[in-house]
Every structure is written in C-alpha cells, then in structure tokens.
Amino acid sequence: MTIIDRFEGDWAVIEWENGLTFNFPRALLPPGAKSGDVVEFNVSIDRSGTEMRRIRIKRLEDDLFRP
C-alpha cells in the first residue's frame, strides 16, 4: 500500500509499505488528494513511442553528419 503521508509546499511525501518515502509533485496528484489517501502508481514503457523517437533521432543524426 502506498499512501500520501503529508504535503510540504508543492510536494507530496509518499510512503511505501516498507516505510521508504519519496517526494512527488503535488500538481500531478488527482484533485482533492489529501494526507492519508492511498495512491497507486503504474509505470509502463511505450514501446511504439520509444521506437518512433529512436527513428526520429536517427534521422536527425543522419542529416547532421551527412557528408
């Protein structure tokens, strides 16, 4: 379980079950979030977005270093 422990200015102090804490931008929390609320964090990799970015950067490099 992950909870909002408290707020410190523009930051929310988030506490993991194991007692570790980290700061998270308050502006990125849902409206109305308050101390004691349980929050969920889901992180995933956007494979297609990553590939499109890789291709775009490769094209920029090719243009930059073209003889």
N, C-alpha and C. Protein backbone atom coordinates (compact mmCIF):
# COMPACT_ATOMS: atom_id res chain seq x y z
N MET A 1 0.85 -1.17 0.00
CA MET A 1 0.00 0.00 0.00
C MET A 1 0.90 1.24 0.00
N THR A 2 0.51 2.22 -0.76
CA THR A 2 1.25 3.47 -0.87
C THR A 2 0.31 4.60 -0.46
N ILE A 3 0.77 5.44 0.48
CA ILE A 3 -0.11 6.50 0.97
C ILE A 3 0.56 7.86 0.85
N ILE A 4 -0.28 8.88 0.84
CA ILE A 4 0.21 10.25 0.95
C ILE A 4 0.40 10.51 2.43
N ASP A 5 1.65 10.64 2.84
CA ASP A 5 1.95 10.86 4.25
C ASP A 5 1.62 12.29 4.65
N ARG A 6 2.09 13.24 3.82
CA ARG A 6 1.88 14.66 4.14
C ARG A 6 2.24 15.49 2.92
N PHE A 7 1.96 16.77 3.02
CA PHE A 7 2.34 17.72 1.98
C PHE A 7 3.37 18.68 2.55
N GLU A 8 4.36 19.00 1.73
CA GLU A 8 5.37 20.01 2.08
C GLU A 8 5.48 20.96 0.90
N GLY A 9 4.76 22.06 0.97
CA GLY A 9 4.74 23.00 -0.14
C GLY A 9 4.15 22.37 -1.39
N ASP A 10 4.91 22.40 -2.47
CA ASP A 10 4.43 21.86 -3.74
C ASP A 10 4.66 20.36 -3.87
N TRP A 11 5.11 19.73 -2.79
CA TRP A 11 5.45 18.30 -2.83
C TRP A 11 4.55 17.49 -1.91
N ALA A 12 4.23 16.28 -2.36
CA ALA A 12 3.57 15.29 -1.51
C ALA A 12 4.64 14.30 -1.09
N VAL A 13 4.66 13.97 0.18
CA VAL A 13 5.58 12.94 0.67
C VAL A 13 4.80 11.62 0.63
N ILE A 14 5.27 10.72 -0.23
CA ILE A 14 4.60 9.43 -0.43
C ILE A 14 5.35 8.37 0.35
N GLU A 15 4.62 7.52 1.05
CA GLU A 15 5.24 6.46 1.84
C GLU A 15 4.84 5.09 1.31
N TRP A 16 5.84 4.26 1.04
CA TRP A 16 5.62 2.87 0.64
C TRP A 16 5.34 2.03 1.88
N GLU A 17 4.85 0.82 1.66
CA GLU A 17 4.57 -0.10 2.76
C GLU A 17 5.78 -0.36 3.64
N ASN A 18 6.97 -0.39 3.02
CA ASN A 18 8.18 -0.72 3.77
C ASN A 18 8.73 0.48 4.55
N GLY A 19 8.03 1.62 4.50
CA GLY A 19 8.44 2.79 5.26
C GLY A 19 9.29 3.78 4.48
N LEU A 20 9.77 3.39 3.30
CA LEU A 20 10.53 4.33 2.47
C LEU A 20 9.61 5.43 1.96
N THR A 21 10.14 6.63 1.85
CA THR A 21 9.35 7.75 1.35
C THR A 21 10.05 8.41 0.17
N PHE A 22 9.27 9.10 -0.63
CA PHE A 22 9.81 9.90 -1.72
C PHE A 22 8.90 11.09 -1.95
N ASN A 23 9.45 12.13 -2.54
CA ASN A 23 8.68 13.34 -2.86
C ASN A 23 8.10 13.20 -4.26
N PHE A 24 6.87 13.64 -4.39
CA PHE A 24 6.16 13.58 -5.67
C PHE A 24 5.48 14.93 -5.88
N PRO A 25 5.54 15.48 -7.10
CA PRO A 25 4.92 16.79 -7.33
C PRO A 25 3.42 16.76 -7.00
N ARG A 26 3.03 17.65 -6.14
CA ARG A 26 1.62 17.74 -5.72
C ARG A 26 0.70 17.98 -6.92
N ALA A 27 1.17 18.75 -7.89
CA ALA A 27 0.37 19.09 -9.06
C ALA A 27 0.01 17.86 -9.91
N LEU A 28 0.75 16.77 -9.76
CA LEU A 28 0.48 15.56 -10.55
C LEU A 28 -0.49 14.60 -9.86
N LEU A 29 -0.87 14.92 -8.64
CA LEU A 29 -1.85 14.10 -7.95
C LEU A 29 -3.26 14.49 -8.39
N PRO A 30 -4.21 13.58 -8.26
CA PRO A 30 -5.59 13.92 -8.62
C PRO A 30 -6.12 15.06 -7.74
N PRO A 31 -6.99 15.89 -8.28
CA PRO A 31 -7.59 16.96 -7.46
C PRO A 31 -8.26 16.35 -6.23
N GLY A 32 -8.10 17.01 -5.11
CA GLY A 32 -8.74 16.55 -3.89
C GLY A 32 -7.92 15.53 -3.10
N ALA A 33 -6.76 15.14 -3.61
CA ALA A 33 -5.93 14.19 -2.88
C ALA A 33 -5.52 14.81 -1.54
N LYS A 34 -5.53 13.99 -0.50
CA LYS A 34 -5.20 14.53 0.83
C LYS A 34 -4.36 13.52 1.61
N SER A 35 -3.76 14.01 2.69
CA SER A 35 -2.95 13.15 3.55
C SER A 35 -3.78 11.94 3.98
N GLY A 36 -3.14 10.78 3.95
CA GLY A 36 -3.82 9.55 4.34
C GLY A 36 -4.44 8.80 3.18
N ASP A 37 -4.59 9.46 2.03
CA ASP A 37 -5.16 8.77 0.86
C ASP A 37 -4.19 7.70 0.36
N VAL A 38 -4.74 6.58 -0.05
CA VAL A 38 -3.96 5.52 -0.68
C VAL A 38 -3.89 5.84 -2.17
N VAL A 39 -2.67 5.79 -2.71
CA VAL A 39 -2.49 6.11 -4.13
C VAL A 39 -1.85 4.93 -4.84
N GLU A 40 -2.08 4.85 -6.15
CA GLU A 40 -1.48 3.81 -6.99
C GLU A 40 -0.59 4.47 -8.02
N PHE A 41 0.55 3.86 -8.28
CA PHE A 41 1.46 4.31 -9.32
C PHE A 41 1.63 3.18 -10.31
N ASN A 42 1.40 3.47 -11.57
CA ASN A 42 1.57 2.49 -12.63
C ASN A 42 2.52 3.07 -13.67
N VAL A 43 3.61 2.37 -13.91
CA VAL A 43 4.60 2.83 -14.87
C VAL A 43 4.76 1.75 -15.93
N SER A 44 4.73 2.16 -17.19
CA SER A 44 4.93 1.20 -18.27
C SER A 44 5.79 1.85 -19.35
N ILE A 45 6.33 1.02 -20.21
CA ILE A 45 7.15 1.50 -21.31
C ILE A 45 6.30 1.55 -22.57
N ASP A 46 6.30 2.68 -23.24
CA ASP A 46 5.59 2.85 -24.51
C ASP A 46 6.55 2.42 -25.62
N ARG A 47 6.48 1.16 -26.00
CA ARG A 47 7.42 0.60 -26.98
C ARG A 47 7.32 1.30 -28.33
N SER A 48 6.11 1.56 -28.81
CA SER A 48 5.98 2.21 -30.12
C SER A 48 6.47 3.65 -30.06
N GLY A 49 6.18 4.35 -28.97
CA GLY A 49 6.68 5.71 -28.81
C GLY A 49 8.20 5.74 -28.74
N THR A 50 8.78 4.77 -28.06
CA THR A 50 10.23 4.68 -27.96
C THR A 50 10.84 4.45 -29.34
N GLU A 51 10.24 3.57 -30.11
CA GLU A 51 10.76 3.28 -31.46
C GLU A 51 10.63 4.50 -32.37
N MET A 52 9.50 5.20 -32.30
CA MET A 52 9.33 6.40 -33.13
C MET A 52 10.38 7.45 -32.76
N ARG A 53 10.66 7.60 -31.49
CA ARG A 53 11.68 8.56 -31.03
C ARG A 53 13.06 8.15 -31.52
N ARG A 54 13.37 6.85 -31.46
CA ARG A 54 14.65 6.35 -31.93
C ARG A 54 14.83 6.64 -33.42
N ILE A 55 13.80 6.43 -34.21
CA ILE A 55 13.85 6.68 -35.65
C ILE A 55 14.05 8.17 -35.92
N ARG A 56 13.31 9.01 -35.20
CA ARG A 56 13.43 10.46 -35.39
C ARG A 56 14.84 10.94 -35.07
N ILE A 57 15.40 10.45 -33.98
CA ILE A 57 16.77 10.85 -33.61
C ILE A 57 17.78 10.34 -34.63
N LYS A 58 17.58 9.14 -35.12
CA LYS A 58 18.49 8.59 -36.14
C LYS A 58 18.47 9.45 -37.39
N ARG A 59 17.29 9.89 -37.80
CA ARG A 59 17.18 10.77 -38.98
C ARG A 59 17.89 12.10 -38.74
N LEU A 60 17.72 12.67 -37.55
CA LEU A 60 18.40 13.92 -37.22
C LEU A 60 19.93 13.72 -37.24
N GLU A 61 20.40 12.62 -36.70
CA GLU A 61 21.83 12.34 -36.72
C GLU A 61 22.33 12.18 -38.16
N ASP A 62 21.57 11.45 -38.97
CA ASP A 62 21.95 11.24 -40.37
C ASP A 62 22.05 12.57 -41.11
N ASP A 63 21.09 13.47 -40.88
CA ASP A 63 21.12 14.79 -41.52
C ASP A 63 22.29 15.62 -41.03
N LEU A 64 22.59 15.53 -39.76
CA LEU A 64 23.66 16.32 -39.17
C LEU A 64 25.04 15.87 -39.64
N PHE A 65 25.21 14.57 -39.78
CA PHE A 65 26.54 14.03 -40.11
C PHE A 65 26.65 13.58 -41.56
N ARG A 66 25.71 13.99 -42.39
CA ARG A 66 25.76 13.62 -43.82
C ARG A 66 26.96 14.30 -44.46
N PRO A 67 27.78 13.54 -45.21
CA PRO A 67 28.97 14.13 -45.86
C PRO A 67 28.61 15.12 -46.96
